[in-house]
Amino acid sequence: MRADVRTKLVMPLIAAALLSWTPAAAMKEASAPPVTAFVDVTVVPMDAERLLDHRTVLVRDGRIAGIGPAESTKVPDGAVRIDAAGRFLMPGLAEMHGHLPNPNQGEAMAASFMTLFVANGVTTVRGMFGFPDHPALRERIARGEVFGPRLFAASPALTGQSVRTPEEGEQLARQYSSTGRTASTS
């Protein structure tokens, strides 16, 4: 499938998913239906080069709870039903070398970065060069205050310029790890 055709077909589905989840919607979570159903969607399973046509995908608590033929998969009462006929659904992408914004760029820039990741199908980001505010950004995303991907925050770079001895490197790695960051050697 050509990239431009795939983009035209996949982007509306990503947009529908984005529009169905907002920080305000997350705060109303207690009243929200527990299941979202993508009905009559074409699934791109990523385990082989194939497509699964005419499927219903049930999502519960942010995880796929079931996939079955559209004509025989029951959509639970009260579920959010998304008519996905003619659309494609694929697993989220993981960015394993992500550059996150510098805190000097401001909160609006951080929010823009996070939105752009998700708008392009990236649902997980491993930050490469950490700043002190990145763990807080990760927590704000987790609480639904900022729209963004699952974030793995890194420490500041541990290099020969920032660490003088192996012992100092070990100590800093432990310190950063205790705040939920991974050691970065980039």
Protein backbone atom coordinates (compact mmCIF):
# COMPACT_ATOMS: atom_id res chain seq x y z
CA MET A 1 0.00 0.00 0.00
CA ARG A 2 1.39 3.40 -0.96
CA ALA A 3 2.38 5.66 1.95
CA ASP A 4 0.13 8.55 0.84
CA VAL A 5 -2.93 6.27 0.60
CA ARG A 6 -2.09 4.67 3.95
CA THR A 7 -1.75 8.12 5.54
CA LYS A 8 -5.13 9.22 4.17
CA LEU A 9 -6.75 6.08 5.59
CA VAL A 10 -4.96 5.83 8.94
CA MET A 11 -4.84 9.50 9.98
CA PRO A 12 -8.65 9.89 10.31
CA LEU A 13 -8.71 6.90 12.66
CA ILE A 14 -5.86 8.34 14.72
CA ALA A 15 -7.73 11.64 14.79
CA ALA A 16 -10.88 9.88 16.02
CA ALA A 17 -8.88 8.22 18.78
CA LEU A 18 -7.28 11.55 19.71
CA LEU A 19 -10.64 13.29 19.79
CA SER A 20 -12.10 10.55 22.00
CA TRP A 21 -9.36 11.12 24.61
CA THR A 22 -8.69 14.53 26.04
CA PRO A 23 -7.51 15.66 29.49
CA ALA A 24 -11.08 16.78 30.22
CA ALA A 25 -12.42 13.39 29.15
CA ALA A 26 -9.85 11.66 31.34
CA MET A 27 -11.03 13.64 34.35
CA LYS A 28 -14.60 12.47 33.71
CA GLU A 29 -13.29 8.89 33.62
CA ALA A 30 -15.64 7.67 36.36
CA SER A 31 -18.68 8.44 34.19
CA ALA A 32 -17.13 7.30 30.91
CA PRO A 33 -18.11 3.95 29.42
CA PRO A 34 -15.52 1.30 30.26
CA VAL A 35 -15.13 -0.04 26.71
CA THR A 36 -14.40 1.48 23.29
CA ALA A 37 -15.30 -0.60 20.23
CA PHE A 38 -13.74 0.01 16.80
CA VAL A 39 -16.32 -1.67 14.57
CA ASP A 40 -15.63 -3.04 11.06
CA VAL A 41 -12.00 -1.89 11.10
CA THR A 42 -9.09 -3.36 9.15
CA VAL A 43 -6.44 -4.42 11.68
CA VAL A 44 -2.73 -4.23 10.85
CA PRO A 45 -1.47 -6.86 13.35
CA MET A 46 2.30 -6.34 12.82
CA ASP A 47 3.11 -10.04 13.36
CA ALA A 48 3.28 -10.66 9.62
CA GLU A 49 2.67 -8.76 6.41
CA ARG A 50 -1.10 -9.12 6.42
CA LEU A 51 -4.36 -7.32 7.12
CA LEU A 52 -7.34 -8.55 9.13
CA ASP A 53 -10.42 -7.15 7.39
CA HIS A 54 -13.84 -6.47 8.96
CA ARG A 55 -12.89 -6.79 12.63
CA THR A 56 -14.25 -5.35 15.85
CA VAL A 57 -11.57 -4.33 18.35
CA LEU A 58 -12.64 -3.88 21.97
CA VAL A 59 -10.47 -1.64 24.15
CA ARG A 60 -10.89 -1.67 27.96
CA ASP A 61 -8.79 0.43 30.33
CA GLY A 62 -6.43 1.44 27.51
CA ARG A 63 -5.69 -2.14 26.46
CA ILE A 64 -7.03 -4.38 23.72
CA ALA A 65 -9.53 -6.70 25.36
CA GLY A 66 -10.63 -8.55 22.24
CA ILE A 67 -10.50 -8.77 18.46
CA GLY A 68 -13.03 -10.68 16.44
CA PRO A 69 -15.01 -10.76 13.22
CA ALA A 70 -17.23 -7.65 12.97
CA GLU A 71 -20.35 -9.64 12.15
CA SER A 72 -20.12 -11.85 15.26
CA THR A 73 -18.28 -9.84 17.93
CA LYS A 74 -20.74 -8.37 20.43
CA VAL A 75 -20.19 -4.75 21.42
CA PRO A 76 -20.97 -4.40 25.15
CA ASP A 77 -23.88 -2.21 26.21
CA GLY A 78 -22.72 1.31 27.00
CA ALA A 79 -19.51 1.02 24.99
CA VAL A 80 -18.27 3.94 22.91
CA ARG A 81 -18.83 2.67 19.39
CA ILE A 82 -16.59 3.98 16.60
CA ASP A 83 -17.66 3.08 13.06
CA ALA A 84 -14.27 2.33 11.51
CA ALA A 85 -15.40 0.92 8.17
CA GLY A 86 -12.79 1.69 5.54
CA ARG A 87 -10.22 2.62 8.21
CA PHE A 88 -7.10 0.93 9.56
CA LEU A 89 -6.02 0.27 13.16
CA MET A 90 -2.48 -0.63 14.14
CA PRO A 91 -0.51 -0.86 17.37
CA GLY A 92 1.10 2.33 18.62
CA LEU A 93 4.68 3.04 17.61
CA ALA A 94 7.52 3.28 20.15
CA GLU A 95 10.16 6.02 19.78
CA MET A 96 13.27 4.61 21.41
CA HIS A 97 15.55 7.61 20.81
CA GLY A 98 13.25 10.51 21.56
CA HIS A 99 14.45 14.05 22.12
CA LEU A 100 12.19 15.77 24.61
CA PRO A 101 11.91 19.53 24.98
CA ASN A 102 14.25 21.54 27.14
CA PRO A 103 12.36 23.08 30.09
CA ASN A 104 13.52 26.53 28.93
CA GLN A 105 11.20 26.11 25.93
CA GLY A 106 8.15 26.26 28.21
CA GLU A 107 5.12 24.11 28.95
CA ALA A 108 3.35 24.96 25.70
CA MET A 109 6.28 23.58 23.71
CA ALA A 110 6.35 20.40 25.84
CA ALA A 111 2.61 19.93 25.25
CA SER A 112 3.11 20.45 21.50
CA PHE A 113 5.91 17.86 21.40
CA MET A 114 3.73 15.31 23.21
CA THR A 115 0.72 15.94 20.97
CA LEU A 116 2.85 15.57 17.84
CA PHE A 117 4.17 12.21 19.02
CA VAL A 118 0.63 10.85 19.49
CA ALA A 119 -0.72 12.48 16.31
CA ASN A 120 1.92 10.50 14.41
CA GLY A 121 1.00 7.19 16.06
CA VAL A 122 3.78 7.21 18.69
CA THR A 123 2.31 5.98 21.99
CA THR A 124 5.59 5.33 23.85
CA VAL A 125 8.69 7.54 23.99
CA ARG A 126 12.05 6.81 25.62
CA GLY A 127 13.69 10.17 26.19
CA MET A 128 17.42 10.31 25.53
CA PHE A 129 18.73 13.33 27.38
CA GLY A 130 16.88 14.06 30.58
CA PHE A 131 16.08 17.33 32.25
CA PRO A 132 14.85 17.64 35.84
CA ASP A 133 11.27 18.39 34.72
CA HIS A 134 10.83 15.24 32.60
CA PRO A 135 9.66 12.95 35.45
CA ALA A 136 7.02 15.56 36.35
CA LEU A 137 5.93 15.71 32.69
CA ARG A 138 5.64 11.91 32.66
CA GLU A 139 3.41 12.05 35.76
CA ARG A 140 1.23 14.83 34.29
CA ILE A 141 0.70 12.69 31.20
CA ALA A 142 -0.16 9.67 33.35
CA ARG A 143 -2.75 11.72 35.29
CA GLY A 144 -4.33 12.99 32.05
CA GLU A 145 -3.33 16.61 32.63
CA VAL A 146 -1.19 16.64 29.48
CA PHE A 147 -2.07 14.68 26.35
CA GLY A 148 0.89 12.56 25.38
CA PRO A 149 2.52 9.16 24.98
CA ARG A 150 3.76 6.87 27.73
CA LEU A 151 7.05 8.46 28.67
CA PHE A 152 10.28 6.87 29.88
CA ALA A 153 12.42 9.71 31.18
CA ALA A 154 16.21 9.59 31.04
CA SER A 155 18.79 11.07 33.35
CA PRO A 156 21.12 13.85 32.26
CA ALA A 157 23.90 12.38 30.13
CA LEU A 158 26.54 10.45 32.07
CA THR A 159 29.72 10.96 30.05
CA GLY A 160 33.41 11.47 30.64
CA GLN A 161 32.65 15.19 30.83
CA SER A 162 30.00 14.86 33.57
CA VAL A 163 31.37 11.89 35.56
CA ARG A 164 34.98 11.57 36.68
CA THR A 165 35.06 8.06 38.21
CA PRO A 166 33.16 4.79 37.87
CA GLU A 167 32.02 5.17 41.48
CA GLU A 168 30.59 8.62 40.79
CA GLY A 169 28.79 7.19 37.74
CA GLU A 170 27.29 4.37 39.82
CA GLN A 171 26.18 6.82 42.51
CA LEU A 172 24.53 9.12 39.98
CA ALA A 173 22.86 6.21 38.19
CA ARG A 174 21.35 5.05 41.52
CA GLN A 175 20.25 8.60 42.34
CA TYR A 176 18.54 9.09 38.97
CA SER A 177 17.00 5.63 39.09
CA SER A 178 15.40 6.45 42.45
CA THR A 179 13.48 9.27 40.71
CA GLY A 180 12.23 6.95 37.97
CA ARG A 181 14.74 7.88 35.29
CA THR A 182 17.01 5.63 33.28
CA ALA A 183 20.71 6.35 32.98
CA SER A 184 21.61 8.09 29.75
CA THR A 185 25.03 7.70 28.20
CA SER A 186 24.26 9.58 24.97
